[in-house]
N, C-alpha and C. Protein backbone atom coordinates (compact mmCIF):
# COMPACT_ATOMS: atom_id res chain seq x y z
N MET A 1 11.18 76.14 -52.01
CA MET A 1 9.78 75.90 -52.30
C MET A 1 9.60 75.36 -53.71
N LYS A 2 10.33 75.95 -54.67
CA LYS A 2 10.25 75.47 -56.05
C LYS A 2 10.73 74.02 -56.14
N THR A 3 11.78 73.71 -55.37
CA THR A 3 12.32 72.36 -55.39
C THR A 3 11.28 71.37 -54.87
N GLN A 4 10.57 71.72 -53.80
CA GLN A 4 9.55 70.83 -53.26
C GLN A 4 8.41 70.64 -54.25
N LEU A 5 7.99 71.73 -54.88
CA LEU A 5 6.91 71.64 -55.87
C LEU A 5 7.35 70.74 -57.03
N PHE A 6 8.58 70.91 -57.51
CA PHE A 6 9.10 70.09 -58.59
C PHE A 6 9.15 68.62 -58.16
N LEU A 7 9.61 68.39 -56.95
CA LEU A 7 9.71 67.03 -56.43
C LEU A 7 8.35 66.35 -56.42
N TRP A 8 7.33 67.02 -55.87
CA TRP A 8 6.00 66.42 -55.80
C TRP A 8 5.39 66.24 -57.17
N THR A 9 5.69 67.15 -58.09
CA THR A 9 5.21 67.00 -59.46
C THR A 9 5.82 65.76 -60.10
N CYS A 10 7.11 65.55 -59.88
CA CYS A 10 7.78 64.37 -60.43
C CYS A 10 7.22 63.09 -59.83
N VAL A 11 7.05 63.08 -58.53
CA VAL A 11 6.52 61.89 -57.87
C VAL A 11 5.13 61.57 -58.38
N ALA A 12 4.28 62.59 -58.49
CA ALA A 12 2.91 62.37 -58.98
C ALA A 12 2.92 61.87 -60.42
N ALA A 13 3.78 62.42 -61.25
CA ALA A 13 3.85 62.00 -62.66
C ALA A 13 4.32 60.56 -62.77
N PHE A 14 5.34 60.21 -62.02
CA PHE A 14 5.83 58.83 -62.07
C PHE A 14 4.80 57.86 -61.53
N ALA A 15 4.19 58.20 -60.40
CA ALA A 15 3.23 57.29 -59.78
C ALA A 15 2.02 57.08 -60.66
N SER A 16 1.51 58.13 -61.26
CA SER A 16 0.32 57.96 -62.10
C SER A 16 0.64 57.22 -63.39
N GLY A 17 1.82 57.37 -63.89
CA GLY A 17 2.20 56.71 -65.13
C GLY A 17 2.55 55.24 -64.95
N CYS A 18 2.71 54.80 -63.72
CA CYS A 18 3.16 53.44 -63.47
C CYS A 18 2.11 52.58 -62.78
N ALA A 19 0.90 53.06 -62.72
CA ALA A 19 -0.16 52.26 -62.10
C ALA A 19 -0.57 51.15 -63.06
N THR A 20 -0.30 49.92 -62.69
CA THR A 20 -0.67 48.79 -63.52
C THR A 20 -1.35 47.75 -62.66
N GLN A 21 -2.14 46.92 -63.29
CA GLN A 21 -2.80 45.83 -62.59
C GLN A 21 -1.88 44.61 -62.64
N PRO A 22 -1.52 44.05 -61.48
CA PRO A 22 -0.66 42.87 -61.49
C PRO A 22 -1.42 41.64 -61.99
N GLN A 23 -0.69 40.70 -62.55
CA GLN A 23 -1.28 39.44 -62.97
C GLN A 23 -1.73 38.68 -61.74
N GLU A 24 -2.76 37.86 -61.88
CA GLU A 24 -3.24 37.08 -60.75
C GLU A 24 -2.13 36.18 -60.24
N GLY A 25 -1.92 36.21 -58.93
CA GLY A 25 -0.90 35.37 -58.32
C GLY A 25 0.49 36.00 -58.32
N ALA A 26 0.64 37.16 -58.99
CA ALA A 26 1.95 37.81 -59.05
C ALA A 26 1.94 39.04 -58.16
N THR A 27 3.09 39.38 -57.63
CA THR A 27 3.22 40.57 -56.83
C THR A 27 4.08 41.55 -57.61
N GLN A 28 3.54 42.75 -57.81
CA GLN A 28 4.29 43.74 -58.57
C GLN A 28 4.31 45.01 -57.76
N GLN A 29 5.50 45.49 -57.41
CA GLN A 29 5.63 46.73 -56.68
C GLN A 29 6.67 47.58 -57.38
N VAL A 30 6.39 48.87 -57.47
CA VAL A 30 7.33 49.80 -58.06
C VAL A 30 7.71 50.79 -56.97
N TYR A 31 8.99 50.99 -56.77
CA TYR A 31 9.48 51.88 -55.75
C TYR A 31 10.19 53.05 -56.42
N TYR A 32 10.03 54.22 -55.83
CA TYR A 32 10.72 55.40 -56.30
C TYR A 32 11.45 56.04 -55.14
N GLN A 33 12.62 56.58 -55.44
CA GLN A 33 13.41 57.26 -54.44
C GLN A 33 13.50 58.72 -54.87
N ALA A 34 13.16 59.61 -53.97
CA ALA A 34 13.25 61.04 -54.27
C ALA A 34 14.34 61.63 -53.38
N TYR A 35 15.19 62.44 -53.96
CA TYR A 35 16.22 63.09 -53.18
C TYR A 35 16.60 64.39 -53.85
N LYS A 36 17.23 65.27 -53.10
CA LYS A 36 17.64 66.58 -53.61
C LYS A 36 19.12 66.52 -53.93
N ARG A 37 19.46 66.98 -55.13
CA ARG A 37 20.86 67.02 -55.55
C ARG A 37 21.15 68.44 -56.00
N GLN A 38 21.99 69.14 -55.26
CA GLN A 38 22.30 70.54 -55.47
C GLN A 38 21.00 71.35 -55.56
N ASP A 39 20.64 71.86 -56.73
CA ASP A 39 19.44 72.69 -56.88
C ASP A 39 18.21 71.91 -57.32
N ALA A 40 18.39 70.69 -57.78
CA ALA A 40 17.27 69.97 -58.39
C ALA A 40 16.84 68.78 -57.54
N ALA A 41 15.58 68.49 -57.65
CA ALA A 41 15.06 67.28 -57.02
C ALA A 41 15.09 66.18 -58.07
N VAL A 42 15.46 65.00 -57.66
CA VAL A 42 15.59 63.88 -58.58
C VAL A 42 14.70 62.74 -58.09
N VAL A 43 13.99 62.14 -59.03
CA VAL A 43 13.18 60.96 -58.71
C VAL A 43 13.67 59.85 -59.63
N ARG A 44 13.97 58.71 -59.04
CA ARG A 44 14.41 57.59 -59.87
C ARG A 44 13.75 56.31 -59.40
N ARG A 45 13.59 55.39 -60.33
CA ARG A 45 13.01 54.10 -60.02
C ARG A 45 14.05 53.24 -59.32
N VAL A 46 13.64 52.56 -58.26
CA VAL A 46 14.52 51.71 -57.49
C VAL A 46 13.94 50.30 -57.52
N GLU A 47 14.73 49.34 -57.94
CA GLU A 47 14.27 47.94 -57.95
C GLU A 47 14.27 47.41 -56.53
N PRO A 48 13.20 46.74 -56.12
CA PRO A 48 13.17 46.19 -54.76
C PRO A 48 14.19 45.07 -54.61
N ALA A 49 14.68 44.94 -53.40
CA ALA A 49 15.63 43.87 -53.12
C ALA A 49 14.92 42.53 -53.25
N PRO A 50 15.59 41.51 -53.78
CA PRO A 50 14.94 40.20 -53.88
C PRO A 50 14.61 39.66 -52.50
N VAL A 51 13.51 38.96 -52.42
CA VAL A 51 13.09 38.38 -51.15
C VAL A 51 13.91 37.12 -50.92
N PRO A 52 14.60 37.03 -49.78
CA PRO A 52 15.40 35.84 -49.54
C PRO A 52 14.53 34.60 -49.39
N SER A 53 15.10 33.46 -49.76
CA SER A 53 14.33 32.22 -49.75
C SER A 53 13.94 31.78 -48.35
N VAL A 54 14.53 32.37 -47.31
CA VAL A 54 14.15 32.00 -45.95
C VAL A 54 12.71 32.42 -45.64
N LEU A 55 12.12 33.26 -46.47
CA LEU A 55 10.74 33.68 -46.26
C LEU A 55 9.76 32.77 -46.98
N GLY A 56 10.24 31.79 -47.69
CA GLY A 56 9.39 30.90 -48.45
C GLY A 56 9.98 30.72 -49.84
N PRO A 57 9.29 30.01 -50.70
CA PRO A 57 9.83 29.78 -52.04
C PRO A 57 9.94 31.09 -52.83
N MET A 58 11.09 31.28 -53.44
CA MET A 58 11.40 32.50 -54.18
C MET A 58 10.49 32.65 -55.38
N GLY A 59 9.89 33.83 -55.53
CA GLY A 59 9.08 34.13 -56.70
C GLY A 59 7.70 33.49 -56.73
N VAL A 60 7.24 32.96 -55.60
CA VAL A 60 5.94 32.29 -55.54
C VAL A 60 5.02 33.14 -54.67
N SER A 61 3.81 33.35 -55.14
CA SER A 61 2.84 34.11 -54.37
C SER A 61 2.63 33.47 -53.00
N GLY A 62 2.43 34.28 -52.00
CA GLY A 62 2.17 33.78 -50.66
C GLY A 62 0.69 33.81 -50.31
N THR A 63 -0.17 33.92 -51.33
CA THR A 63 -1.60 34.03 -51.10
C THR A 63 -2.38 33.19 -52.10
N VAL A 64 -3.40 32.50 -51.62
CA VAL A 64 -4.37 31.84 -52.50
C VAL A 64 -5.74 32.40 -52.15
N TYR A 65 -6.58 32.55 -53.15
CA TYR A 65 -7.88 33.20 -52.99
C TYR A 65 -9.01 32.18 -53.13
N PHE A 66 -10.16 32.53 -52.58
CA PHE A 66 -11.32 31.65 -52.55
C PHE A 66 -12.55 32.39 -53.07
N GLY A 67 -13.52 31.62 -53.53
CA GLY A 67 -14.79 32.17 -53.96
C GLY A 67 -15.65 32.56 -52.76
N PHE A 68 -16.72 33.28 -53.03
CA PHE A 68 -17.63 33.72 -51.99
C PHE A 68 -18.22 32.52 -51.25
N ASP A 69 -18.10 32.53 -49.94
CA ASP A 69 -18.65 31.50 -49.07
C ASP A 69 -18.13 30.10 -49.42
N GLN A 70 -16.89 30.02 -49.91
CA GLN A 70 -16.30 28.74 -50.30
C GLN A 70 -14.99 28.50 -49.57
N SER A 71 -14.70 27.23 -49.35
CA SER A 71 -13.42 26.85 -48.75
C SER A 71 -12.74 25.78 -49.60
N THR A 72 -13.17 25.67 -50.85
CA THR A 72 -12.58 24.71 -51.77
C THR A 72 -11.43 25.37 -52.53
N LEU A 73 -10.30 24.67 -52.60
CA LEU A 73 -9.14 25.19 -53.32
C LEU A 73 -9.43 25.21 -54.81
N GLN A 74 -9.34 26.37 -55.42
CA GLN A 74 -9.61 26.51 -56.85
C GLN A 74 -8.41 26.05 -57.66
N PRO A 75 -8.66 25.43 -58.82
CA PRO A 75 -7.57 24.85 -59.62
C PRO A 75 -6.44 25.83 -59.97
N GLN A 76 -6.76 27.09 -60.20
CA GLN A 76 -5.72 28.05 -60.59
C GLN A 76 -4.72 28.33 -59.46
N TYR A 77 -5.04 27.93 -58.22
CA TYR A 77 -4.13 28.15 -57.11
C TYR A 77 -3.40 26.88 -56.67
N LEU A 78 -3.69 25.79 -57.30
CA LEU A 78 -3.06 24.52 -56.94
C LEU A 78 -1.55 24.58 -57.13
N ARG A 79 -1.08 25.20 -58.20
CA ARG A 79 0.37 25.27 -58.47
C ARG A 79 1.08 26.07 -57.37
N ILE A 80 0.45 27.12 -56.87
CA ILE A 80 1.06 27.89 -55.78
C ILE A 80 1.23 27.00 -54.55
N VAL A 81 0.19 26.27 -54.21
CA VAL A 81 0.25 25.37 -53.05
C VAL A 81 1.31 24.29 -53.28
N GLU A 82 1.39 23.75 -54.49
CA GLU A 82 2.40 22.73 -54.80
C GLU A 82 3.82 23.28 -54.62
N GLN A 83 4.05 24.52 -55.04
CA GLN A 83 5.38 25.11 -54.90
C GLN A 83 5.75 25.33 -53.44
N HIS A 84 4.77 25.72 -52.63
CA HIS A 84 5.03 25.84 -51.18
C HIS A 84 5.27 24.46 -50.58
N GLY A 85 4.54 23.45 -51.06
CA GLY A 85 4.75 22.09 -50.59
C GLY A 85 6.14 21.58 -50.91
N GLU A 86 6.61 21.82 -52.13
CA GLU A 86 7.97 21.43 -52.52
C GLU A 86 9.00 22.10 -51.61
N TYR A 87 8.81 23.39 -51.38
CA TYR A 87 9.74 24.14 -50.53
C TYR A 87 9.77 23.56 -49.12
N LEU A 88 8.60 23.28 -48.55
CA LEU A 88 8.54 22.76 -47.19
C LEU A 88 9.10 21.35 -47.08
N ARG A 89 8.91 20.53 -48.10
CA ARG A 89 9.50 19.18 -48.09
C ARG A 89 11.02 19.25 -48.15
N GLN A 90 11.56 20.22 -48.87
CA GLN A 90 13.02 20.36 -48.98
C GLN A 90 13.62 21.07 -47.77
N ASN A 91 12.79 21.80 -47.03
CA ASN A 91 13.25 22.56 -45.87
C ASN A 91 12.44 22.12 -44.65
N THR A 92 12.74 20.94 -44.15
CA THR A 92 11.93 20.34 -43.10
C THR A 92 12.01 21.10 -41.77
N GLY A 93 12.96 21.97 -41.62
CA GLY A 93 13.06 22.78 -40.41
C GLY A 93 12.16 24.01 -40.44
N ARG A 94 11.61 24.32 -41.59
CA ARG A 94 10.75 25.50 -41.73
C ARG A 94 9.32 25.17 -41.33
N LYS A 95 8.64 26.17 -40.77
CA LYS A 95 7.23 26.04 -40.40
C LYS A 95 6.47 27.18 -41.05
N VAL A 96 5.21 26.92 -41.34
CA VAL A 96 4.38 27.96 -41.95
C VAL A 96 3.03 28.01 -41.23
N GLN A 97 2.60 29.23 -40.99
CA GLN A 97 1.25 29.43 -40.45
C GLN A 97 0.37 29.81 -41.63
N LEU A 98 -0.74 29.12 -41.76
CA LEU A 98 -1.69 29.37 -42.84
C LEU A 98 -2.81 30.24 -42.27
N ASP A 99 -2.82 31.51 -42.67
CA ASP A 99 -3.75 32.49 -42.12
C ASP A 99 -4.99 32.58 -43.00
N GLY A 100 -6.14 32.11 -42.49
CA GLY A 100 -7.39 32.15 -43.22
C GLY A 100 -8.13 33.46 -42.99
N HIS A 101 -8.64 34.05 -44.07
CA HIS A 101 -9.32 35.34 -44.01
C HIS A 101 -10.62 35.28 -44.80
N THR A 102 -11.54 36.19 -44.47
CA THR A 102 -12.81 36.31 -45.17
C THR A 102 -13.08 37.78 -45.46
N ASP A 103 -14.09 38.04 -46.31
CA ASP A 103 -14.54 39.43 -46.45
C ASP A 103 -15.45 39.75 -45.27
N GLU A 104 -15.93 40.99 -45.19
CA GLU A 104 -16.66 41.40 -43.98
C GLU A 104 -18.12 40.97 -43.96
N ARG A 105 -18.60 40.40 -45.04
CA ARG A 105 -20.00 39.97 -45.06
C ARG A 105 -20.16 38.73 -44.18
N GLY A 106 -21.22 38.70 -43.41
CA GLY A 106 -21.47 37.58 -42.50
C GLY A 106 -21.06 37.92 -41.09
N GLY A 107 -21.52 37.12 -40.16
CA GLY A 107 -21.24 37.35 -38.75
C GLY A 107 -19.81 36.97 -38.37
N THR A 108 -19.38 37.45 -37.23
CA THR A 108 -18.02 37.21 -36.76
C THR A 108 -17.74 35.72 -36.58
N GLU A 109 -18.63 35.02 -35.88
CA GLU A 109 -18.41 33.59 -35.63
C GLU A 109 -18.38 32.79 -36.93
N TYR A 110 -19.32 33.11 -37.83
CA TYR A 110 -19.36 32.39 -39.11
C TYR A 110 -18.05 32.61 -39.87
N ASN A 111 -17.58 33.85 -39.91
CA ASN A 111 -16.36 34.16 -40.67
C ASN A 111 -15.12 33.54 -40.04
N ILE A 112 -15.08 33.44 -38.72
CA ILE A 112 -13.95 32.75 -38.08
C ILE A 112 -13.94 31.29 -38.53
N GLY A 113 -15.11 30.65 -38.55
CA GLY A 113 -15.20 29.26 -39.00
C GLY A 113 -14.83 29.10 -40.46
N LEU A 114 -15.30 30.02 -41.31
CA LEU A 114 -14.99 29.95 -42.75
C LEU A 114 -13.49 30.16 -42.98
N GLY A 115 -12.89 31.12 -42.29
CA GLY A 115 -11.44 31.33 -42.42
C GLY A 115 -10.66 30.10 -41.98
N GLN A 116 -11.13 29.44 -40.93
CA GLN A 116 -10.47 28.22 -40.45
C GLN A 116 -10.60 27.10 -41.48
N ARG A 117 -11.80 26.95 -42.07
CA ARG A 117 -11.98 25.91 -43.10
C ARG A 117 -11.07 26.18 -44.29
N ARG A 118 -10.90 27.41 -44.68
CA ARG A 118 -10.00 27.75 -45.80
C ARG A 118 -8.56 27.39 -45.46
N ALA A 119 -8.11 27.77 -44.26
CA ALA A 119 -6.75 27.45 -43.85
C ALA A 119 -6.55 25.94 -43.76
N GLU A 120 -7.55 25.22 -43.26
CA GLU A 120 -7.46 23.76 -43.17
C GLU A 120 -7.44 23.11 -44.55
N THR A 121 -8.14 23.68 -45.51
CA THR A 121 -8.12 23.16 -46.88
C THR A 121 -6.70 23.19 -47.43
N VAL A 122 -6.02 24.31 -47.25
CA VAL A 122 -4.63 24.44 -47.74
C VAL A 122 -3.72 23.52 -46.94
N ARG A 123 -3.93 23.42 -45.63
CA ARG A 123 -3.12 22.53 -44.79
C ARG A 123 -3.26 21.08 -45.24
N GLN A 124 -4.48 20.64 -45.50
CA GLN A 124 -4.71 19.26 -45.94
C GLN A 124 -4.05 19.01 -47.30
N ALA A 125 -4.13 19.98 -48.20
CA ALA A 125 -3.49 19.83 -49.52
C ALA A 125 -1.98 19.68 -49.36
N LEU A 126 -1.38 20.48 -48.48
CA LEU A 126 0.07 20.38 -48.26
C LEU A 126 0.45 19.03 -47.65
N MET A 127 -0.37 18.54 -46.73
CA MET A 127 -0.09 17.25 -46.11
C MET A 127 -0.20 16.12 -47.14
N ARG A 128 -1.17 16.19 -48.06
CA ARG A 128 -1.27 15.18 -49.13
C ARG A 128 -0.05 15.22 -50.04
N MET A 129 0.64 16.35 -50.09
CA MET A 129 1.85 16.48 -50.90
C MET A 129 3.09 16.02 -50.15
N GLY A 130 2.92 15.58 -48.92
CA GLY A 130 4.05 15.04 -48.17
C GLY A 130 4.66 15.98 -47.16
N VAL A 131 4.05 17.12 -46.90
CA VAL A 131 4.56 18.04 -45.89
C VAL A 131 4.15 17.51 -44.52
N ALA A 132 5.07 17.54 -43.58
CA ALA A 132 4.80 17.05 -42.22
C ALA A 132 3.81 17.96 -41.50
N ASP A 133 2.89 17.36 -40.78
CA ASP A 133 1.90 18.10 -40.01
C ASP A 133 2.56 19.06 -39.03
N SER A 134 3.72 18.68 -38.50
CA SER A 134 4.43 19.52 -37.52
C SER A 134 4.95 20.83 -38.12
N GLN A 135 4.98 20.92 -39.45
CA GLN A 135 5.44 22.14 -40.11
C GLN A 135 4.29 23.11 -40.37
N LEU A 136 3.06 22.70 -40.12
CA LEU A 136 1.89 23.47 -40.53
C LEU A 136 1.02 23.86 -39.34
N GLU A 137 0.50 25.09 -39.40
CA GLU A 137 -0.48 25.54 -38.42
C GLU A 137 -1.54 26.35 -39.17
N ALA A 138 -2.79 25.99 -38.99
CA ALA A 138 -3.91 26.68 -39.64
C ALA A 138 -4.59 27.58 -38.61
N VAL A 139 -4.70 28.87 -38.96
CA VAL A 139 -5.26 29.87 -38.05
C VAL A 139 -6.27 30.71 -38.83
N SER A 140 -7.37 31.10 -38.17
CA SER A 140 -8.35 31.95 -38.82
C SER A 140 -8.36 33.34 -38.20
N PHE A 141 -8.38 34.35 -39.06
CA PHE A 141 -8.56 35.73 -38.63
C PHE A 141 -9.95 36.23 -39.01
N GLY A 142 -10.73 35.41 -39.72
CA GLY A 142 -12.06 35.83 -40.14
C GLY A 142 -11.98 37.12 -40.93
N LYS A 143 -12.78 38.09 -40.54
CA LYS A 143 -12.83 39.37 -41.26
C LYS A 143 -11.99 40.45 -40.58
N GLU A 144 -11.17 40.07 -39.58
CA GLU A 144 -10.46 41.04 -38.75
C GLU A 144 -9.26 41.71 -39.41
N LYS A 145 -8.67 41.10 -40.43
CA LYS A 145 -7.47 41.67 -41.07
C LYS A 145 -7.69 41.76 -42.58
N PRO A 146 -8.52 42.68 -43.03
CA PRO A 146 -8.79 42.76 -44.48
C PRO A 146 -7.56 43.23 -45.26
N ALA A 147 -7.42 42.69 -46.46
CA ALA A 147 -6.36 43.14 -47.37
C ALA A 147 -6.83 44.38 -48.11
N SER A 148 -8.14 44.57 -48.22
CA SER A 148 -8.71 45.70 -48.94
C SER A 148 -9.87 46.27 -48.14
N GLN A 149 -9.97 47.58 -48.13
CA GLN A 149 -11.09 48.26 -47.48
C GLN A 149 -12.21 48.58 -48.47
N LEU A 150 -12.00 48.25 -49.76
CA LEU A 150 -13.00 48.56 -50.77
C LEU A 150 -14.27 47.76 -50.54
N GLN A 151 -15.39 48.42 -50.67
CA GLN A 151 -16.69 47.78 -50.52
C GLN A 151 -17.23 47.36 -51.89
N THR A 152 -16.37 46.78 -52.70
CA THR A 152 -16.72 46.33 -54.04
C THR A 152 -16.42 44.84 -54.14
N GLU A 153 -16.88 44.21 -55.22
CA GLU A 153 -16.60 42.79 -55.40
C GLU A 153 -15.09 42.55 -55.50
N GLU A 154 -14.36 43.47 -56.14
CA GLU A 154 -12.91 43.34 -56.24
C GLU A 154 -12.27 43.38 -54.85
N GLY A 155 -12.74 44.28 -53.99
CA GLY A 155 -12.23 44.35 -52.63
C GLY A 155 -12.55 43.10 -51.83
N HIS A 156 -13.78 42.60 -51.99
CA HIS A 156 -14.17 41.37 -51.29
C HIS A 156 -13.31 40.19 -51.75
N GLN A 157 -13.02 40.11 -53.05
CA GLN A 157 -12.20 39.02 -53.57
C GLN A 157 -10.80 39.02 -52.95
N LEU A 158 -10.23 40.20 -52.75
CA LEU A 158 -8.90 40.30 -52.15
C LEU A 158 -8.89 39.84 -50.69
N ASN A 159 -10.03 39.93 -50.03
CA ASN A 159 -10.11 39.55 -48.62
C ASN A 159 -10.36 38.07 -48.40
N ARG A 160 -10.88 37.37 -49.39
CA ARG A 160 -11.17 35.92 -49.26
C ARG A 160 -9.91 35.15 -49.62
N ARG A 161 -9.08 34.85 -48.62
CA ARG A 161 -7.74 34.35 -48.92
C ARG A 161 -7.17 33.53 -47.79
N VAL A 162 -6.09 32.80 -48.12
CA VAL A 162 -5.20 32.18 -47.14
C VAL A 162 -3.81 32.69 -47.47
N GLU A 163 -3.12 33.20 -46.45
CA GLU A 163 -1.77 33.69 -46.62
C GLU A 163 -0.78 32.74 -45.95
N PHE A 164 0.36 32.51 -46.60
CA PHE A 164 1.43 31.69 -46.05
C PHE A 164 2.34 32.61 -45.22
N SER A 165 2.43 32.37 -43.91
CA SER A 165 3.29 33.16 -43.03
C SER A 165 4.38 32.24 -42.48
N TYR A 166 5.57 32.35 -43.05
CA TYR A 166 6.66 31.47 -42.62
C TYR A 166 7.24 31.94 -41.29
N ARG A 167 7.59 30.96 -40.48
CA ARG A 167 8.14 31.24 -39.13
C ARG A 167 9.56 30.74 -39.04
């Protein structure tokens, strides 16, 4: 019982001390491994395995975000789209599905259309960069797959997105 209490205390201390806000466009995850060694519980930080390049360009965000009720690609996300475009031009056998999403405000039909326009915006940008149409598919999920359940502006911002899903 003491070991379990110690273990949970360690996990809580590490987790609360490591909560940080990631930079826009960056993915930051911290993993901890807890295990029992003889009499003591041990918690240690574990570095995540690198994502293989078969999932897309290494070290590049797989998400671009949009403003409220907008389907225009914002300048700060152009570099992300360019890096995916470079990857797809170099890997002509790879295909990507562009998943368009919205926040929950608005009707279902409207949000399906808005998600599709967002996915098509990214698709058109990739095609202008020389990516073959046969490598791209634009799909809308509307408000059906939220990234955040928060009913705040920050939560809504996380839901207004296009995600790159490599196949």
